[in-house]
Amino acid sequence: MGSVVRPDPSFDPRAKLGAPGVFPFTRGIHPTMYAGRLWTLRQYAGYATAEETNRRYKYLLEHGQTGLSVAFDLPTQMGYDPGDPPTKGEVGKAGVSIAALPDMEALFDGIPQDKVTVSMTINATAMILLALHIAAAERKGIPAAALGGTVQNDILKEFDARGCYIYPPRPSLRLAVDLIEYACKHLPQWNFISISGYHIREAGATAAQELGFTLANGIAYVEQALRRGLDPNVLGQRVSFFFNAHSNFFEEIAKFRAARRLWAHLMRDRFKATDPRALMLRFHTQTAGSTLTAQQPYNNVVRVTLQALAAVLGGTQSLHTNAMDEALALPTEHAARIALRAQQILAREMGIQDVVDPFGGSYHLERETDRLESEARAIIEEIDRRGGAAESIAHEQREIEKSAVATQRAVQEGRAVVVGVNKYVEPDEKQRVETLRVDERIRQERAARVEEVRRLRDGGRASAALERLGADARADVNLFPAVIECVRAHATLGEISHALREVFGTYDPR
């Protein structure tokens, strides 16, 4: 797929090149990039119980990981406790099951929460999980102000592409901005949102759509936060992004460069930020899960390594590399270690950290950067015409679906090659990998744990905290203080979510 790039005499690849660490940061947000500080090596992990996931975290930290990324199971993401009827077959499967404060304490048992940065991929229940993280640290004597990390808190992309929403768009956006406002005032080291293009791309979007829809969502969050009276120069320094590293090597590098340039202009020109640090787009990257294949799974090691290389050459601040077995199941320790080793080889053996933006000035790369910036800007302008990201959900869904169908047709018709799937297929496939299986008894065990929390807590305090939350949800006040009081009183995630459902209702896309 794609066309041959032919030189255009009128195009000067150096015209917008600039220097690393200088506005608009096309070449990187720091003058020395990785020579000054390596990217954070993360592995996204979470499965079954907090205790089992805690063991995996310690394993990864012992093997050289430098930051933790928490994956939560679907019931946790959707605001249900493990014993609730909708959770059958899902507890502990896609991530770790967290329902109450003792679970969060177990998750970080023996891990210094003030020394290791923590990224939590959670959206509809982001406020509850961050409150649990704070409360667990408090019980160790660690103040909230000492905690460093990121909570995804990007609910708009759930409506666009992923579907893990609970409440309608407007109250959902309120919850996200309440968290942003609270973190601005009380969590000085915490990145309060990681605006995600990753899931938009996984749903089938093109590189330009990933860029345009993601930055349009970022505009919506910043606009809402500024209406709360927050300073764009403070806000801009704490907004982060989360992008996909897909398989078109040069296009992906260009995408990251275009993202920095476009966001810098948006923060300066639209939101009037003046501090250079508020104009910098900081981002985490994950290699593309949708490109992993169940057929010939060892091929995934090659795919992931090259995608990771694109992310690093594009200037990411943080990176997760997928494991080779993730098209089949949650990663085993063996597969997770190989994925981590891929990052460590890139970081320590390849000399990448010695050169800032090594492809900068390349005719092809600069032209691709310009193309993606131009296409993404057109997408943002169209969303602006439609009233903003929160009002354009159906439009974005349709556009992503069109791109997804086009890509799938190209694979099915052989116009796009997927090695081991539609070309170089082994008729008698022998490649097998050991896979991780989560015991079905986990749900019963987790439900019993939740009932024990309810039995041992001060029921009056928990009820009063939940009543206050409902009252605050009906009023025009920030909900974070009420939520953190709920988790301190051992109210469960399901109970807190239900209290908000009673006020906000639930979202039915039909």
Protein backbone atom coordinates (compact mmCIF):
# COMPACT_ATOMS: atom_id res chain seq x y z
CA MET A 1 0.00 0.00 0.00
CA GLY A 2 1.07 3.62 -0.39
CA SER A 3 2.73 5.41 -3.26
CA VAL A 4 6.31 6.01 -4.22
CA VAL A 5 7.64 9.31 -2.82
CA ARG A 6 9.09 11.44 -5.60
CA PRO A 7 11.06 14.62 -4.93
CA ASP A 8 9.25 17.93 -5.28
CA PRO A 9 11.75 20.68 -6.18
CA SER A 10 9.59 23.29 -4.42
CA PHE A 11 9.69 21.47 -1.07
CA ASP A 12 12.49 22.45 1.30
CA PRO A 13 12.79 19.85 4.09
CA ARG A 14 14.70 22.32 6.26
CA ALA A 15 12.09 25.09 6.13
CA LYS A 16 10.42 24.25 9.45
CA LEU A 17 13.19 22.18 10.97
CA GLY A 18 14.25 24.34 13.90
CA ALA A 19 16.20 22.94 16.83
CA PRO A 20 15.39 20.37 19.53
CA GLY A 21 13.97 21.87 22.71
CA VAL A 22 12.77 25.02 20.95
CA PHE A 23 9.22 26.02 19.92
CA PRO A 24 7.39 24.37 18.21
CA PHE A 25 9.33 21.33 19.48
CA THR A 26 9.08 19.37 16.23
CA ARG A 27 12.46 17.78 16.97
CA GLY A 28 11.78 17.01 20.64
CA ILE A 29 10.88 18.81 23.84
CA HIS A 30 14.42 18.71 25.33
CA PRO A 31 17.60 20.00 23.67
CA THR A 32 19.51 16.79 24.47
CA MET A 33 16.54 14.37 24.51
CA TYR A 34 17.68 10.89 25.65
CA ALA A 35 21.29 11.92 26.17
CA GLY A 36 19.95 13.95 29.08
CA ARG A 37 17.28 11.52 30.28
CA LEU A 38 16.18 8.16 28.93
CA TRP A 39 12.51 7.48 28.28
CA THR A 40 10.62 5.71 31.09
CA LEU A 41 10.54 1.97 30.47
CA ARG A 42 7.05 0.74 31.34
CA GLN A 43 5.21 -2.56 30.94
CA TYR A 44 1.42 -2.39 31.10
CA ALA A 45 0.43 -5.13 33.55
CA GLY A 46 -2.48 -6.30 35.64
CA TYR A 47 -4.48 -9.50 35.97
CA ALA A 48 -6.51 -11.54 38.47
CA THR A 49 -6.05 -10.23 42.02
CA ALA A 50 -4.09 -7.34 43.49
CA GLU A 51 -1.75 -9.83 45.16
CA GLU A 52 -0.89 -11.63 41.89
CA THR A 53 -0.41 -8.34 40.05
CA ASN A 54 1.80 -7.07 42.88
CA ARG A 55 4.08 -10.06 42.32
CA ARG A 56 4.26 -9.25 38.59
CA TYR A 57 5.14 -5.61 39.36
CA LYS A 58 7.97 -6.63 41.66
CA TYR A 59 9.21 -9.05 39.00
CA LEU A 60 9.26 -6.33 36.35
CA LEU A 61 10.94 -3.79 38.65
CA GLU A 62 13.61 -6.37 39.52
CA HIS A 63 14.25 -6.86 35.80
CA GLY A 64 14.83 -3.17 35.06
CA GLN A 65 11.41 -1.58 34.53
CA THR A 66 11.42 2.05 35.70
CA GLY A 67 7.69 2.84 35.96
CA LEU A 68 4.49 0.92 36.60
CA SER A 69 1.44 0.89 34.31
CA VAL A 70 -1.73 -0.54 35.81
CA ALA A 71 -4.23 -2.47 33.69
CA PHE A 72 -7.68 -2.82 35.28
CA ASP A 73 -10.27 -5.47 34.45
CA LEU A 74 -13.52 -4.53 32.73
CA PRO A 75 -15.71 -4.56 35.88
CA THR A 76 -13.33 -2.05 37.49
CA GLN A 77 -13.40 0.08 34.35
CA MET A 78 -17.20 -0.03 34.17
CA GLY A 79 -17.92 0.68 37.85
CA TYR A 80 -18.97 -2.76 39.09
CA ASP A 81 -17.90 -4.79 42.11
CA PRO A 82 -16.80 -8.39 41.42
CA GLY A 83 -20.05 -9.92 42.72
CA ASP A 84 -22.35 -7.73 40.62
CA PRO A 85 -24.33 -9.67 37.95
CA PRO A 86 -22.77 -7.99 34.85
CA THR A 87 -19.25 -9.12 35.86
CA LYS A 88 -19.62 -12.85 35.16
CA GLY A 89 -16.70 -14.11 33.08
CA GLU A 90 -14.77 -10.82 33.26
CA VAL A 91 -13.30 -10.48 36.77
CA GLY A 92 -9.51 -10.33 36.59
CA LYS A 93 -9.42 -11.15 32.87
CA ALA A 94 -8.38 -7.96 31.06
CA GLY A 95 -6.57 -6.54 34.07
CA VAL A 96 -6.49 -6.50 37.85
CA SER A 97 -9.70 -6.43 39.89
CA ILE A 98 -9.83 -3.45 42.28
CA ALA A 99 -12.97 -2.75 44.29
CA ALA A 100 -11.97 -1.19 47.62
CA LEU A 101 -9.11 0.32 49.61
CA PRO A 102 -7.63 -3.01 50.83
CA ASP A 103 -7.23 -4.04 47.18
CA MET A 104 -5.20 -0.93 46.35
CA GLU A 105 -3.08 -1.45 49.46
CA ALA A 106 -2.35 -5.01 48.33
CA LEU A 107 -1.54 -3.85 44.80
CA PHE A 108 1.28 -1.61 46.06
CA ASP A 109 2.38 -3.69 49.05
CA GLY A 110 6.15 -3.36 49.39
CA ILE A 111 6.33 -0.86 46.52
CA PRO A 112 7.29 2.74 47.43
CA GLN A 113 4.48 4.77 45.88
CA ASP A 114 6.46 7.99 46.31
CA LYS A 115 9.52 6.57 44.49
CA VAL A 116 7.97 4.77 41.48
CA THR A 117 5.81 6.65 39.01
CA VAL A 118 2.49 4.98 38.36
CA SER A 119 0.39 5.19 35.19
CA MET A 120 -3.23 4.07 35.54
CA THR A 121 -5.17 3.32 32.37
CA ILE A 122 -8.65 4.13 33.66
CA ASN A 123 -11.31 6.52 32.47
CA ALA A 124 -14.96 6.27 33.57
CA THR A 125 -13.87 5.40 37.13
CA ALA A 126 -10.60 7.38 37.04
CA MET A 127 -11.53 9.57 39.99
CA ILE A 128 -12.26 6.56 42.19
CA LEU A 129 -9.01 4.75 41.32
CA LEU A 130 -6.88 7.86 41.86
CA ALA A 131 -8.63 8.43 45.20
CA LEU A 132 -7.85 4.82 46.17
CA HIS A 133 -4.20 5.32 45.17
CA ILE A 134 -4.01 8.44 47.34
CA ALA A 135 -5.73 6.77 50.30
CA ALA A 136 -3.45 3.72 50.10
CA ALA A 137 -0.38 5.99 50.11
CA GLU A 138 -1.76 7.97 53.07
CA ARG A 139 -2.00 4.76 55.09
CA LYS A 140 1.75 4.30 54.51
CA GLY A 141 2.40 7.85 55.67
CA ILE A 142 3.00 9.15 52.14
CA PRO A 143 1.30 12.49 51.39
CA ALA A 144 -0.64 12.91 48.16
CA ALA A 145 1.68 15.72 47.08
CA ALA A 146 4.57 13.22 46.89
CA LEU A 147 2.87 10.93 44.38
CA GLY A 148 4.06 11.01 40.76
CA GLY A 149 2.40 9.46 37.77
CA THR A 150 -0.50 9.71 35.36
CA VAL A 151 -4.15 8.77 35.27
CA GLN A 152 -5.62 8.43 31.80
CA ASN A 153 -8.94 10.17 32.63
CA ASP A 154 -9.81 10.53 28.94
CA ILE A 155 -13.50 9.70 28.72
CA LEU A 156 -14.11 11.28 25.32
CA LYS A 157 -12.09 8.62 23.54
CA GLU A 158 -14.26 5.97 25.22
CA PHE A 159 -17.26 7.43 23.41
CA ASP A 160 -15.26 7.77 20.18
CA ALA A 161 -13.66 4.37 20.01
CA ARG A 162 -13.56 2.04 23.00
CA GLY A 163 -16.96 1.91 24.72
CA CYS A 164 -15.96 1.78 28.41
CA TYR A 165 -18.19 4.65 29.49
CA ILE A 166 -20.86 4.73 32.21
CA TYR A 167 -22.53 8.15 32.30
CA PRO A 168 -23.62 10.43 29.42
CA PRO A 169 -20.95 12.66 27.84
CA ARG A 170 -21.61 15.88 29.76
CA PRO A 171 -21.45 14.48 33.34
CA SER A 172 -18.57 12.26 32.23
CA LEU A 173 -16.67 15.34 31.07
CA ARG A 174 -17.51 17.04 34.38
CA LEU A 175 -15.91 14.15 36.31
CA ALA A 176 -12.76 14.34 34.17
CA VAL A 177 -12.40 18.09 34.69
CA ASP A 178 -13.17 17.79 38.42
CA LEU A 179 -10.16 15.47 38.65
CA ILE A 180 -8.03 17.91 36.64
CA GLU A 181 -9.02 20.81 38.89
CA TYR A 182 -8.37 18.86 42.11
CA ALA A 183 -4.98 17.60 40.89
CA CYS A 184 -3.92 21.13 39.89
CA LYS A 185 -4.48 22.23 43.46
CA HIS A 186 -3.41 19.19 45.49
CA LEU A 187 -1.22 16.83 43.40
CA PRO A 188 1.73 18.87 42.10
CA GLN A 189 3.60 15.89 40.62
CA TRP A 190 0.62 14.16 39.04
CA ASN A 191 -0.31 14.30 35.35
CA PHE A 192 -4.09 14.45 35.59
CA ILE A 193 -4.94 13.38 32.06
CA SER A 194 -3.36 11.27 29.34
CA ILE A 195 -5.33 12.09 26.22
CA SER A 196 -5.37 8.88 24.26
CA GLY A 197 -4.99 8.39 20.55
CA TYR A 198 -3.97 4.80 21.19
CA HIS A 199 -7.50 3.42 21.42
CA ILE A 200 -8.68 5.57 18.53
CA ARG A 201 -5.98 4.00 16.35
CA GLU A 202 -6.74 0.50 17.68
CA ALA A 203 -10.36 0.98 16.61
CA GLY A 204 -9.22 1.47 13.02
CA ALA A 205 -8.34 5.15 12.61
CA THR A 206 -5.60 6.33 10.28
CA ALA A 207 -2.50 8.09 11.61
CA ALA A 208 -3.97 11.50 10.68
CA GLN A 209 -7.29 10.65 12.36
CA GLU A 210 -5.50 9.47 15.49
CA LEU A 211 -3.70 12.80 15.60
CA GLY A 212 -6.70 15.00 14.75
CA PHE A 213 -9.30 13.34 16.97
CA THR A 214 -6.88 13.09 19.91
CA LEU A 215 -5.86 16.74 19.81
CA ALA A 216 -9.52 17.77 19.35
CA ASN A 217 -10.31 15.89 22.57
CA GLY A 218 -7.39 17.69 24.20
CA ILE A 219 -8.87 21.02 23.13
CA ALA A 220 -12.19 20.07 24.78
CA TYR A 221 -10.52 19.26 28.11
CA VAL A 222 -8.41 22.41 28.12
CA GLU A 223 -11.43 24.59 27.27
CA GLN A 224 -13.45 23.10 30.14
CA ALA A 225 -10.56 23.46 32.58
CA LEU A 226 -10.00 27.10 31.61
CA ARG A 227 -13.68 27.77 32.35
CA ARG A 228 -12.88 26.70 35.93
CA GLY A 229 -10.36 29.54 36.10
CA LEU A 230 -7.23 27.40 35.73
CA ASP A 231 -4.10 29.02 34.32
CA PRO A 232 -3.14 27.71 30.84
CA ASN A 233 0.52 27.99 31.81
CA VAL A 234 -0.06 25.63 34.75
CA LEU A 235 -2.50 23.40 32.93
CA GLY A 236 -0.31 22.96 29.86
CA GLN A 237 2.57 21.60 31.90
CA ARG A 238 0.46 18.77 33.32
CA VAL A 239 -1.46 17.60 30.26
CA SER A 240 0.01 14.47 28.70
CA PHE A 241 -0.85 12.30 25.69
CA PHE A 242 -0.84 8.61 24.84
CA PHE A 243 -0.18 7.52 21.28
CA ASN A 244 -0.04 4.32 19.28
CA ALA A 245 3.17 3.16 17.58
CA HIS A 246 1.82 1.42 14.50
CA SER A 247 3.60 -0.35 11.66
CA ASN A 248 4.29 2.30 9.00
CA PHE A 249 7.72 3.17 10.33
CA PHE A 250 8.32 6.63 8.83
CA GLU A 251 4.70 7.71 9.12
CA GLU A 252 4.73 6.97 12.84
CA ILE A 253 7.90 8.95 13.49
CA ALA A 254 6.42 11.85 11.52
CA LYS A 255 3.14 11.58 13.45
CA PHE A 256 4.86 12.16 16.78
CA ARG A 257 6.79 15.15 15.39
CA ALA A 258 3.61 16.63 13.87
CA ALA A 259 1.75 16.15 17.17
CA ARG A 260 4.31 18.23 19.06
CA ARG A 261 4.29 21.01 16.48
CA LEU A 262 0.51 21.19 16.21
CA TRP A 263 -0.11 21.12 19.99
CA ALA A 264 2.51 23.81 20.61
CA HIS A 265 0.70 26.14 18.20
CA LEU A 266 -2.70 25.28 19.73
CA MET A 267 -1.53 26.04 23.26
CA ARG A 268 0.14 29.29 22.23
CA ASP A 269 -2.34 30.64 19.68
CA ARG A 270 -5.70 29.30 20.89
CA PHE A 271 -5.16 29.14 24.65
CA LYS A 272 -2.60 31.96 25.01
CA ALA A 273 -0.09 30.00 27.06
CA THR A 274 3.27 31.75 27.23
CA ASP A 275 5.47 29.47 29.35
CA PRO A 276 7.49 27.25 26.95
CA ARG A 277 6.91 24.26 29.25
CA ALA A 278 3.16 24.68 28.78
CA LEU A 279 3.58 24.40 25.02
CA MET A 280 5.38 21.05 25.10
CA LEU A 281 3.47 17.91 24.14
CA ARG A 282 4.62 15.07 26.41
CA PHE A 283 3.50 11.59 25.54
CA HIS A 284 3.56 7.91 26.41
CA THR A 285 3.57 5.35 23.60
CA GLN A 286 2.40 1.77 23.36
CA THR A 287 3.13 -0.51 20.45
CA ALA A 288 0.09 -1.47 18.39
CA GLY A 289 -1.87 -4.33 19.91
CA SER A 290 -4.09 -4.55 16.84
CA THR A 291 -1.09 -5.56 14.69
CA LEU A 292 -0.25 -8.60 16.82
CA THR A 293 -1.18 -11.93 15.29
CA ALA A 294 -2.20 -15.23 16.84
CA GLN A 295 -0.63 -16.91 13.80
CA GLN A 296 3.17 -17.24 14.04
CA PRO A 297 3.27 -15.34 17.37
CA TYR A 298 7.08 -15.10 17.45
CA ASN A 299 6.80 -12.67 14.52
CA ASN A 300 5.26 -10.24 17.01
CA VAL A 301 8.66 -9.75 18.67
CA VAL A 302 9.93 -8.23 15.41
CA ARG A 303 6.81 -6.09 14.92
CA VAL A 304 6.94 -4.73 18.46
CA THR A 305 10.66 -3.95 18.34
CA LEU A 306 10.34 -1.93 15.14
CA GLN A 307 7.26 -0.10 16.41
CA ALA A 308 9.14 0.72 19.61
CA LEU A 309 12.06 2.03 17.54
CA ALA A 310 9.66 4.36 15.70
CA ALA A 311 8.35 5.67 19.03
CA VAL A 312 11.84 6.34 20.32
CA LEU A 313 12.99 8.00 17.09
CA GLY A 314 9.82 10.10 17.32
CA GLY A 315 10.80 11.31 20.80
CA THR A 316 8.46 9.56 23.24
CA GLN A 317 8.83 10.22 26.98
CA SER A 318 7.56 6.81 28.06
CA LEU A 319 7.13 3.47 26.30
CA HIS A 320 5.33 0.15 26.69
CA THR A 321 6.22 -2.74 24.42
CA ASN A 322 3.56 -5.41 23.87
CA ALA A 323 4.34 -9.05 24.55
CA MET A 324 4.40 -11.57 21.73
CA ASP A 325 1.52 -13.64 23.19
CA GLU A 326 -1.04 -10.84 23.64
CA ALA A 327 -3.08 -11.84 20.58
CA LEU A 328 -3.77 -15.06 22.50
CA ALA A 329 -4.01 -14.11 26.19
CA LEU A 330 -2.61 -11.85 28.88
CA PRO A 331 1.20 -11.95 28.75
CA THR A 332 3.19 -14.52 30.68
CA GLU A 333 6.19 -13.41 32.73
CA HIS A 334 8.48 -14.86 30.05
CA ALA A 335 6.81 -12.90 27.24
CA ALA A 336 6.68 -9.69 29.32
CA ARG A 337 10.39 -9.98 30.04
CA ILE A 338 11.23 -10.35 26.33
CA ALA A 339 9.13 -7.25 25.59
CA LEU A 340 11.01 -5.31 28.26
CA ARG A 341 14.34 -6.55 26.94
CA ALA A 342 13.45 -5.10 23.52
CA GLN A 343 13.28 -1.65 25.11
CA GLN A 344 16.50 -2.19 27.05
CA ILE A 345 18.36 -3.25 23.89
CA LEU A 346 17.13 -0.11 22.11
CA ALA A 347 18.13 2.01 25.10
CA ARG A 348 21.53 0.50 25.84
CA GLU A 349 22.96 -1.13 22.72
CA MET A 350 21.88 0.85 19.66
CA GLY A 351 23.33 4.31 20.33
CA ILE A 352 19.89 5.88 19.90
CA GLN A 353 20.31 8.01 23.01
CA ASP A 354 23.32 9.74 21.43
CA VAL A 355 21.41 11.51 18.63
CA VAL A 356 18.50 13.95 18.86
CA ASP A 357 15.91 13.56 16.07
CA PRO A 358 18.33 11.58 13.86
CA PHE A 359 16.04 11.62 10.79
CA GLY A 360 15.30 15.34 11.08
CA GLY A 361 15.88 17.07 7.76
CA SER A 362 15.11 13.95 5.75
CA TYR A 363 13.05 14.86 2.69
CA HIS A 364 10.57 12.04 3.25
CA LEU A 365 10.22 12.51 7.00
CA GLU A 366 9.72 16.27 6.81
CA ARG A 367 7.16 15.90 4.04
CA GLU A 368 5.29 13.27 6.06
CA THR A 369 5.38 15.52 9.13
CA ASP A 370 3.88 18.38 7.12
CA ARG A 371 1.24 16.12 5.57
CA LEU A 372 0.06 14.71 8.88
CA GLU A 373 0.02 18.14 10.51
CA SER A 374 -2.07 19.51 7.64
CA GLU A 375 -4.52 16.59 7.63
CA ALA A 376 -4.89 16.65 11.42
CA ARG A 377 -5.47 20.40 11.40
CA ALA A 378 -8.29 19.93 8.85
CA ILE A 379 -9.87 17.28 11.10
CA ILE A 380 -9.72 19.63 14.10
CA GLU A 381 -11.29 22.45 12.09
CA GLU A 382 -14.15 20.14 11.07
CA ILE A 383 -14.75 19.16 14.71
CA ASP A 384 -14.69 22.86 15.68
CA ARG A 385 -17.39 23.50 13.07
CA ARG A 386 -19.48 20.74 14.65
CA GLY A 387 -19.31 22.35 18.09
CA GLY A 388 -16.29 20.57 19.56
CA ALA A 389 -15.29 17.03 20.47
CA ALA A 390 -18.11 16.38 22.93
CA GLU A 391 -20.67 17.24 20.23
CA SER A 392 -18.90 15.29 17.47
CA ILE A 393 -18.87 11.78 18.92
CA ALA A 394 -21.13 10.24 16.25
CA HIS A 395 -19.12 11.89 13.47
CA GLU A 396 -15.83 10.59 14.84
CA GLN A 397 -17.27 7.10 15.30
CA ARG A 398 -18.41 7.03 11.67
CA GLU A 399 -15.05 8.20 10.34
CA ILE A 400 -13.13 5.64 12.41
CA GLU A 401 -15.47 2.87 11.26
CA LYS A 402 -14.94 3.81 7.60
CA SER A 403 -11.17 3.61 8.02
CA ALA A 404 -11.37 0.33 9.92
CA VAL A 405 -13.49 -1.27 7.19
CA ALA A 406 -11.13 -0.03 4.47
CA THR A 407 -8.12 -1.49 6.29
CA GLN A 408 -9.80 -4.85 6.87
CA ARG A 409 -10.82 -5.08 3.21
CA ALA A 410 -7.25 -4.37 2.15
CA VAL A 411 -6.03 -7.26 4.32
CA GLN A 412 -8.74 -9.62 3.12
CA GLU A 413 -8.06 -8.78 -0.52
CA GLY A 414 -4.29 -9.10 -0.07
CA ARG A 415 -3.53 -5.46 -0.87
CA ALA A 416 -2.11 -5.05 2.64
CA VAL A 417 0.30 -7.80 3.68
CA VAL A 418 0.21 -9.30 7.16
CA VAL A 419 3.02 -11.83 7.39
CA GLY A 420 1.79 -15.21 8.57
CA VAL A 421 -1.86 -14.27 8.03
CA ASN A 422 -2.38 -13.55 4.32
CA LYS A 423 1.17 -14.10 3.06
CA TYR A 424 4.00 -16.49 4.01
CA VAL A 425 1.43 -18.67 5.73
CA GLU A 426 2.58 -22.00 7.17
CA PRO A 427 -0.03 -24.65 6.27
CA ASP A 428 0.96 -26.88 9.19
CA GLU A 429 1.46 -24.16 11.76
CA LYS A 430 3.62 -25.49 14.62
CA GLN A 431 4.44 -22.30 16.52
CA ARG A 432 2.88 -22.43 19.96
CA VAL A 433 3.50 -20.30 23.02
CA GLU A 434 2.58 -20.90 26.63
CA THR A 435 -0.35 -18.65 27.60
CA LEU A 436 -1.58 -17.23 30.88
CA ARG A 437 -5.01 -18.30 32.11
CA VAL A 438 -6.97 -16.61 34.90
CA ASP A 439 -8.78 -19.07 37.19
CA GLU A 440 -12.58 -18.80 36.92
CA ARG A 441 -12.79 -19.05 40.72
CA ILE A 442 -11.32 -15.55 40.98
CA ARG A 443 -14.78 -13.96 40.76
CA GLN A 444 -16.13 -15.85 43.77
CA GLU A 445 -13.00 -15.13 45.79
CA ARG A 446 -13.10 -11.45 44.91
CA ALA A 447 -16.82 -11.16 45.68
CA ALA A 448 -16.20 -12.69 49.10
CA ARG A 449 -13.42 -10.17 49.74
CA VAL A 450 -15.75 -7.28 48.93
CA GLU A 451 -18.39 -8.63 51.31
CA GLU A 452 -15.74 -8.86 54.02
CA VAL A 453 -14.83 -5.19 53.47
CA ARG A 454 -18.49 -4.25 53.88
CA ARG A 455 -18.84 -6.37 57.03
CA LEU A 456 -15.77 -4.94 58.76
CA ARG A 457 -16.21 -1.24 57.90
CA ASP A 458 -18.09 1.44 59.82
CA GLY A 459 -21.36 1.18 57.93
CA GLY A 460 -22.65 4.52 59.13
CA ARG A 461 -19.56 6.36 57.94
CA ALA A 462 -19.71 4.66 54.52
CA SER A 463 -23.41 5.46 54.09
CA ALA A 464 -22.90 9.09 55.09
CA ALA A 465 -20.02 9.45 52.62
CA LEU A 466 -22.13 7.99 49.79
CA GLU A 467 -25.03 10.30 50.64
CA ARG A 468 -22.70 13.30 50.55
CA LEU A 469 -21.44 12.17 47.13
CA GLY A 470 -24.97 12.03 45.75
CA ALA A 471 -25.73 15.50 47.13
CA ASP A 472 -22.53 16.95 45.67
CA ALA A 473 -23.28 15.35 42.29
CA ARG A 474 -26.62 17.22 42.25
CA ALA A 475 -24.84 20.47 43.16
CA ASP A 476 -22.22 22.45 41.25
CA VAL A 477 -19.20 21.39 43.32
CA ASN A 478 -16.04 19.41 42.66
CA LEU A 479 -16.71 15.72 43.36
CA PHE A 480 -13.17 14.61 44.19
CA PRO A 481 -13.32 15.45 47.94
CA ALA A 482 -16.54 13.45 48.31
CA VAL A 483 -15.10 10.49 46.40
CA ILE A 484 -11.92 10.38 48.46
CA GLU A 485 -14.00 10.45 51.65
CA CYS A 486 -15.98 7.49 50.27
CA VAL A 487 -12.87 5.38 49.66
CA ARG A 488 -11.42 6.29 53.06
CA ALA A 489 -14.70 5.04 54.56
CA HIS A 490 -14.27 1.75 52.61
CA ALA A 491 -17.17 2.36 50.24
CA THR A 492 -16.62 0.14 47.23
CA LEU A 493 -16.04 1.15 43.65
CA GLY A 494 -19.42 -0.31 42.68
CA GLU A 495 -21.23 1.60 45.43
CA ILE A 496 -19.59 4.89 44.48
CA SER A 497 -20.36 4.36 40.78
CA HIS A 498 -23.97 3.45 41.60
CA ALA A 499 -24.39 6.63 43.66
CA LEU A 500 -23.34 8.63 40.60
CA ARG A 501 -25.53 6.56 38.26
CA GLU A 502 -28.55 7.53 40.34
CA VAL A 503 -27.81 11.20 39.65
CA PHE A 504 -26.30 11.16 36.15
CA GLY A 505 -27.98 8.15 34.61
CA THR A 506 -26.21 5.91 32.11
CA TYR A 507 -25.30 6.42 28.46
CA ASP A 508 -27.16 4.41 25.82
CA PRO A 509 -25.49 4.93 22.41
CA ARG A 510 -28.73 3.93 20.66
